[in-house]
Amino acid sequence: MISWAVTFLIIAIIAGLLGFSGIAGTATQIAWIAFVVGIIMAIVFFLTGKRPPAI
């Protein structure tokens, strides 16, 4: 989830630089939501002792 947050943050920065404020705002909100969900999942997995699957 954190990688998705970084991806949408980069999209938001590029869209903001190019003047697409609507797309930049939406991408920023998606990045924030993905970041929060990723942090919550990391805390839950840490507390339950689960690990993500190995790639």
PDB file of N, CA and C in Angstrom:
ATOM      1  N   MET A   1       0.811  -1.195   0.000  1.00  0.00           N
ATOM      2  CA  MET A   1       0.000   0.000   0.000  1.00  0.00           C
ATOM      3  C   MET A   1       0.857   1.262   0.000  1.00  0.00           C
ATOM      4  N   ILE A   2       1.988   1.169   0.666  1.00  0.00           N
ATOM      5  CA  ILE A   2       2.858   2.343   0.706  1.00  0.00           C
ATOM      6  C   ILE A   2       3.395   2.644  -0.693  1.00  0.00           C
ATOM      7  N   SER A   3       3.667   1.601  -1.477  1.00  0.00           N
ATOM      8  CA  SER A   3       4.150   1.844  -2.841  1.00  0.00           C
ATOM      9  C   SER A   3       3.080   2.525  -3.690  1.00  0.00           C
ATOM     10  N   TRP A   4       1.807   2.154  -3.466  1.00  0.00           N
ATOM     11  CA  TRP A   4       0.721   2.832  -4.174  1.00  0.00           C
ATOM     12  C   TRP A   4       0.633   4.293  -3.756  1.00  0.00           C
ATOM     13  N   ALA A   5       0.846   4.556  -2.475  1.00  0.00           N
ATOM     14  CA  ALA A   5       0.806   5.929  -1.982  1.00  0.00           C
ATOM     15  C   ALA A   5       1.898   6.761  -2.635  1.00  0.00           C
ATOM     16  N   VAL A   6       3.089   6.197  -2.750  1.00  0.00           N
ATOM     17  CA  VAL A   6       4.202   6.913  -3.387  1.00  0.00           C
ATOM     18  C   VAL A   6       3.901   7.145  -4.865  1.00  0.00           C
ATOM     19  N   THR A   7       3.323   6.136  -5.524  1.00  0.00           N
ATOM     20  CA  THR A   7       2.988   6.276  -6.945  1.00  0.00           C
ATOM     21  C   THR A   7       1.990   7.407  -7.166  1.00  0.00           C
ATOM     22  N   PHE A   8       0.925   7.439  -6.364  1.00  0.00           N
ATOM     23  CA  PHE A   8      -0.071   8.494  -6.522  1.00  0.00           C
ATOM     24  C   PHE A   8       0.480   9.856  -6.116  1.00  0.00           C
ATOM     25  N   LEU A   9       1.407   9.884  -5.167  1.00  0.00           N
ATOM     26  CA  LEU A   9       2.026  11.151  -4.794  1.00  0.00           C
ATOM     27  C   LEU A   9       2.859  11.699  -5.944  1.00  0.00           C
ATOM     28  N   ILE A  10       3.583  10.839  -6.632  1.00  0.00           N
ATOM     29  CA  ILE A  10       4.371  11.272  -7.797  1.00  0.00           C
ATOM     30  C   ILE A  10       3.444  11.765  -8.902  1.00  0.00           C
ATOM     31  N   ILE A  11       2.343  11.046  -9.122  1.00  0.00           N
ATOM     32  CA  ILE A  11       1.363  11.489 -10.124  1.00  0.00           C
ATOM     33  C   ILE A  11       0.809  12.859  -9.752  1.00  0.00           C
ATOM     34  N   ALA A  12       0.524  13.066  -8.467  1.00  0.00           N
ATOM     35  CA  ALA A  12      -0.012  14.355  -8.020  1.00  0.00           C
ATOM     36  C   ALA A  12       0.997  15.475  -8.232  1.00  0.00           C
ATOM     37  N   ILE A  13       2.266  15.208  -7.951  1.00  0.00           N
ATOM     38  CA  ILE A  13       3.298  16.239  -8.131  1.00  0.00           C
ATOM     39  C   ILE A  13       3.440  16.599  -9.603  1.00  0.00           C
ATOM     40  N   ILE A  14       3.472  15.599 -10.466  1.00  0.00           N
ATOM     41  CA  ILE A  14       3.603  15.868 -11.910  1.00  0.00           C
ATOM     42  C   ILE A  14       2.372  16.613 -12.424  1.00  0.00           C
ATOM     43  N   ALA A  15       1.176  16.180 -12.005  1.00  0.00           N
ATOM     44  CA  ALA A  15      -0.047  16.851 -12.448  1.00  0.00           C
ATOM     45  C   ALA A  15      -0.084  18.282 -11.939  1.00  0.00           C
ATOM     46  N   GLY A  16       0.373  18.498 -10.719  1.00  0.00           N
ATOM     47  CA  GLY A  16       0.411  19.860 -10.177  1.00  0.00           C
ATOM     48  C   GLY A  16       1.365  20.756 -10.936  1.00  0.00           C
ATOM     49  N   LEU A  17       2.519  20.212 -11.314  1.00  0.00           N
ATOM     50  CA  LEU A  17       3.488  21.000 -12.082  1.00  0.00           C
ATOM     51  C   LEU A  17       2.963  21.356 -13.468  1.00  0.00           C
ATOM     52  N   LEU A  18       2.150  20.449 -14.033  1.00  0.00           N
ATOM     53  CA  LEU A  18       1.605  20.699 -15.369  1.00  0.00           C
ATOM     54  C   LEU A  18       0.314  21.513 -15.335  1.00  0.00           C
ATOM     55  N   GLY A  19      -0.188  21.832 -14.138  1.00  0.00           N
ATOM     56  CA  GLY A  19      -1.360  22.690 -14.020  1.00  0.00           C
ATOM     57  C   GLY A  19      -2.682  21.967 -13.934  1.00  0.00           C
ATOM     58  N   PHE A  20      -2.654  20.673 -13.791  1.00  0.00           N
ATOM     59  CA  PHE A  20      -3.898  19.910 -13.661  1.00  0.00           C
ATOM     60  C   PHE A  20      -4.252  19.802 -12.178  1.00  0.00           C
ATOM     61  N   SER A  21      -4.843  20.853 -11.642  1.00  0.00           N
ATOM     62  CA  SER A  21      -5.083  20.906 -10.203  1.00  0.00           C
ATOM     63  C   SER A  21      -6.133  19.896  -9.748  1.00  0.00           C
ATOM     64  N   GLY A  22      -7.119  19.616 -10.561  1.00  0.00           N
ATOM     65  CA  GLY A  22      -8.146  18.644 -10.188  1.00  0.00           C
ATOM     66  C   GLY A  22      -7.580  17.246 -10.058  1.00  0.00           C
ATOM     67  N   ILE A  23      -6.783  16.852 -11.041  1.00  0.00           N
ATOM     68  CA  ILE A  23      -6.148  15.537 -11.007  1.00  0.00           C
ATOM     69  C   ILE A  23      -5.143  15.477  -9.863  1.00  0.00           C
ATOM     70  N   ALA A  24      -4.423  16.554  -9.634  1.00  0.00           N
ATOM     71  CA  ALA A  24      -3.436  16.584  -8.557  1.00  0.00           C
ATOM     72  C   ALA A  24      -4.118  16.435  -7.199  1.00  0.00           C
ATOM     73  N   GLY A  25      -5.225  17.103  -7.003  1.00  0.00           N
ATOM     74  CA  GLY A  25      -5.952  17.000  -5.741  1.00  0.00           C
ATOM     75  C   GLY A  25      -6.504  15.605  -5.506  1.00  0.00           C
ATOM     76  N   THR A  26      -7.054  15.016  -6.561  1.00  0.00           N
ATOM     77  CA  THR A  26      -7.589  13.656  -6.444  1.00  0.00           C
ATOM     78  C   THR A  26      -6.479  12.657  -6.164  1.00  0.00           C
ATOM     79  N   ALA A  27      -5.366  12.773  -6.875  1.00  0.00           N
ATOM     80  CA  ALA A  27      -4.246  11.860  -6.662  1.00  0.00           C
ATOM     81  C   ALA A  27      -3.665  12.021  -5.262  1.00  0.00           C
ATOM     82  N   THR A  28      -3.657  13.232  -4.747  1.00  0.00           N
ATOM     83  CA  THR A  28      -3.164  13.465  -3.388  1.00  0.00           C
ATOM     84  C   THR A  28      -4.070  12.789  -2.370  1.00  0.00           C
ATOM     85  N   GLN A  29      -5.384  12.899  -2.560  1.00  0.00           N
ATOM     86  CA  GLN A  29      -6.321  12.250  -1.640  1.00  0.00           C
ATOM     87  C   GLN A  29      -6.181  10.727  -1.686  1.00  0.00           C
ATOM     88  N   ILE A  30      -6.029  10.165  -2.881  1.00  0.00           N
ATOM     89  CA  ILE A  30      -5.845   8.720  -3.007  1.00  0.00           C
ATOM     90  C   ILE A  30      -4.546   8.296  -2.344  1.00  0.00           C
ATOM     91  N   ALA A  31      -3.487   9.085  -2.528  1.00  0.00           N
ATOM     92  CA  ALA A  31      -2.202   8.769  -1.898  1.00  0.00           C
ATOM     93  C   ALA A  31      -2.329   8.790  -0.382  1.00  0.00           C
ATOM     94  N   TRP A  32      -3.039   9.767   0.157  1.00  0.00           N
ATOM     95  CA  TRP A  32      -3.213   9.863   1.609  1.00  0.00           C
ATOM     96  C   TRP A  32      -3.990   8.660   2.150  1.00  0.00           C
ATOM     97  N   ILE A  33      -5.062   8.278   1.461  1.00  0.00           N
ATOM     98  CA  ILE A  33      -5.865   7.129   1.886  1.00  0.00           C
ATOM     99  C   ILE A  33      -5.033   5.849   1.822  1.00  0.00           C
ATOM    100  N   ALA A  34      -4.286   5.654   0.732  1.00  0.00           N
ATOM    101  CA  ALA A  34      -3.448   4.455   0.600  1.00  0.00           C
ATOM    102  C   ALA A  34      -2.375   4.422   1.683  1.00  0.00           C
ATOM    103  N   PHE A  35      -1.817   5.571   2.027  1.00  0.00           N
ATOM    104  CA  PHE A  35      -0.808   5.634   3.078  1.00  0.00           C
ATOM    105  C   PHE A  35      -1.397   5.243   4.425  1.00  0.00           C
ATOM    106  N   VAL A  36      -2.553   5.798   4.752  1.00  0.00           N
ATOM    107  CA  VAL A  36      -3.189   5.502   6.042  1.00  0.00           C
ATOM    108  C   VAL A  36      -3.568   4.021   6.118  1.00  0.00           C
ATOM    109  N   VAL A  37      -4.153   3.481   5.062  1.00  0.00           N
ATOM    110  CA  VAL A  37      -4.515   2.060   5.047  1.00  0.00           C
ATOM    111  C   VAL A  37      -3.266   1.193   5.177  1.00  0.00           C
ATOM    112  N   GLY A  38      -2.192   1.561   4.502  1.00  0.00           N
ATOM    113  CA  GLY A  38      -0.939   0.808   4.599  1.00  0.00           C
ATOM    114  C   GLY A  38      -0.369   0.818   6.004  1.00  0.00           C
ATOM    115  N   ILE A  39      -0.408   1.957   6.662  1.00  0.00           N
ATOM    116  CA  ILE A  39       0.094   2.057   8.039  1.00  0.00           C
ATOM    117  C   ILE A  39      -0.772   1.216   8.978  1.00  0.00           C
ATOM    118  N   ILE A  40      -2.097   1.284   8.812  1.00  0.00           N
ATOM    119  CA  ILE A  40      -2.991   0.491   9.658  1.00  0.00           C
ATOM    120  C   ILE A  40      -2.738  -1.002   9.444  1.00  0.00           C
ATOM    121  N   MET A  41      -2.585  -1.413   8.193  1.00  0.00           N
ATOM    122  CA  MET A  41      -2.308  -2.822   7.916  1.00  0.00           C
ATOM    123  C   MET A  41      -0.964  -3.246   8.497  1.00  0.00           C
ATOM    124  N   ALA A  42       0.041  -2.401   8.412  1.00  0.00           N
ATOM    125  CA  ALA A  42       1.351  -2.725   8.974  1.00  0.00           C
ATOM    126  C   ALA A  42       1.260  -2.899  10.489  1.00  0.00           C
ATOM    127  N   ILE A  43       0.496  -2.053  11.157  1.00  0.00           N
ATOM    128  CA  ILE A  43       0.338  -2.166  12.612  1.00  0.00           C
ATOM    129  C   ILE A  43      -0.401  -3.453  12.967  1.00  0.00           C
ATOM    130  N   VAL A  44      -1.472  -3.757  12.229  1.00  0.00           N
ATOM    131  CA  VAL A  44      -2.234  -4.978  12.498  1.00  0.00           C
ATOM    132  C   VAL A  44      -1.358  -6.209  12.272  1.00  0.00           C
ATOM    133  N   PHE A  45      -0.614  -6.240  11.174  1.00  0.00           N
ATOM    134  CA  PHE A  45       0.257  -7.383  10.904  1.00  0.00           C
ATOM    135  C   PHE A  45       1.355  -7.494  11.950  1.00  0.00           C
ATOM    136  N   PHE A  46       1.854  -6.380  12.425  1.00  0.00           N
ATOM    137  CA  PHE A  46       2.889  -6.407  13.459  1.00  0.00           C
ATOM    138  C   PHE A  46       2.332  -6.985  14.760  1.00  0.00           C
ATOM    139  N   LEU A  47       1.131  -6.560  15.115  1.00  0.00           N
ATOM    140  CA  LEU A  47       0.536  -7.025  16.360  1.00  0.00           C
ATOM    141  C   LEU A  47       0.116  -8.494  16.300  1.00  0.00           C
ATOM    142  N   THR A  48      -0.303  -8.966  15.127  1.00  0.00           N
ATOM    143  CA  THR A  48      -0.737 -10.356  15.005  1.00  0.00           C
ATOM    144  C   THR A  48       0.413 -11.290  14.635  1.00  0.00           C
ATOM    145  N   GLY A  49       1.549 -10.766  14.276  1.00  0.00           N
ATOM    146  CA  GLY A  49       2.711 -11.592  13.961  1.00  0.00           C
ATOM    147  C   GLY A  49       2.713 -12.133  12.550  1.00  0.00           C
ATOM    148  N   LYS A  50       1.858 -11.622  11.683  1.00  0.00           N
ATOM    149  CA  LYS A  50       1.819 -12.098  10.292  1.00  0.00           C
ATOM    150  C   LYS A  50       2.843 -11.331   9.467  1.00  0.00           C
ATOM    151  N   ARG A  51       3.310 -11.997   8.434  1.00  0.00           N
ATOM    152  CA  ARG A  51       4.261 -11.357   7.513  1.00  0.00           C
ATOM    153  C   ARG A  51       3.668 -11.378   6.105  1.00  0.00           C
ATOM    154  N   PRO A  52       4.033 -10.400   5.287  1.00  0.00           N
ATOM    155  CA  PRO A  52       3.564 -10.419   3.901  1.00  0.00           C
ATOM    156  C   PRO A  52       4.228 -11.559   3.151  1.00  0.00           C
ATOM    157  N   PRO A  53       3.602 -12.059   2.094  1.00  0.00           N
ATOM    158  CA  PRO A  53       4.200 -13.167   1.349  1.00  0.00           C
ATOM    159  C   PRO A  53       5.505 -12.742   0.686  1.00  0.00           C
ATOM    160  N   ALA A  54       6.441 -13.660   0.645  1.00  0.00           N
ATOM    161  CA  ALA A  54       7.741 -13.388   0.025  1.00  0.00           C
ATOM    162  C   ALA A  54       7.579 -13.368  -1.494  1.00  0.00           C
ATOM    163  N   ILE A  55       8.243 -12.436  -2.110  1.00  0.00           N
ATOM    164  CA  ILE A  55       8.139 -12.303  -3.571  1.00  0.00           C
ATOM    165  C   ILE A  55       9.286 -13.032  -4.220  1.00  0.00           C
TER     166      ILE A  55
END
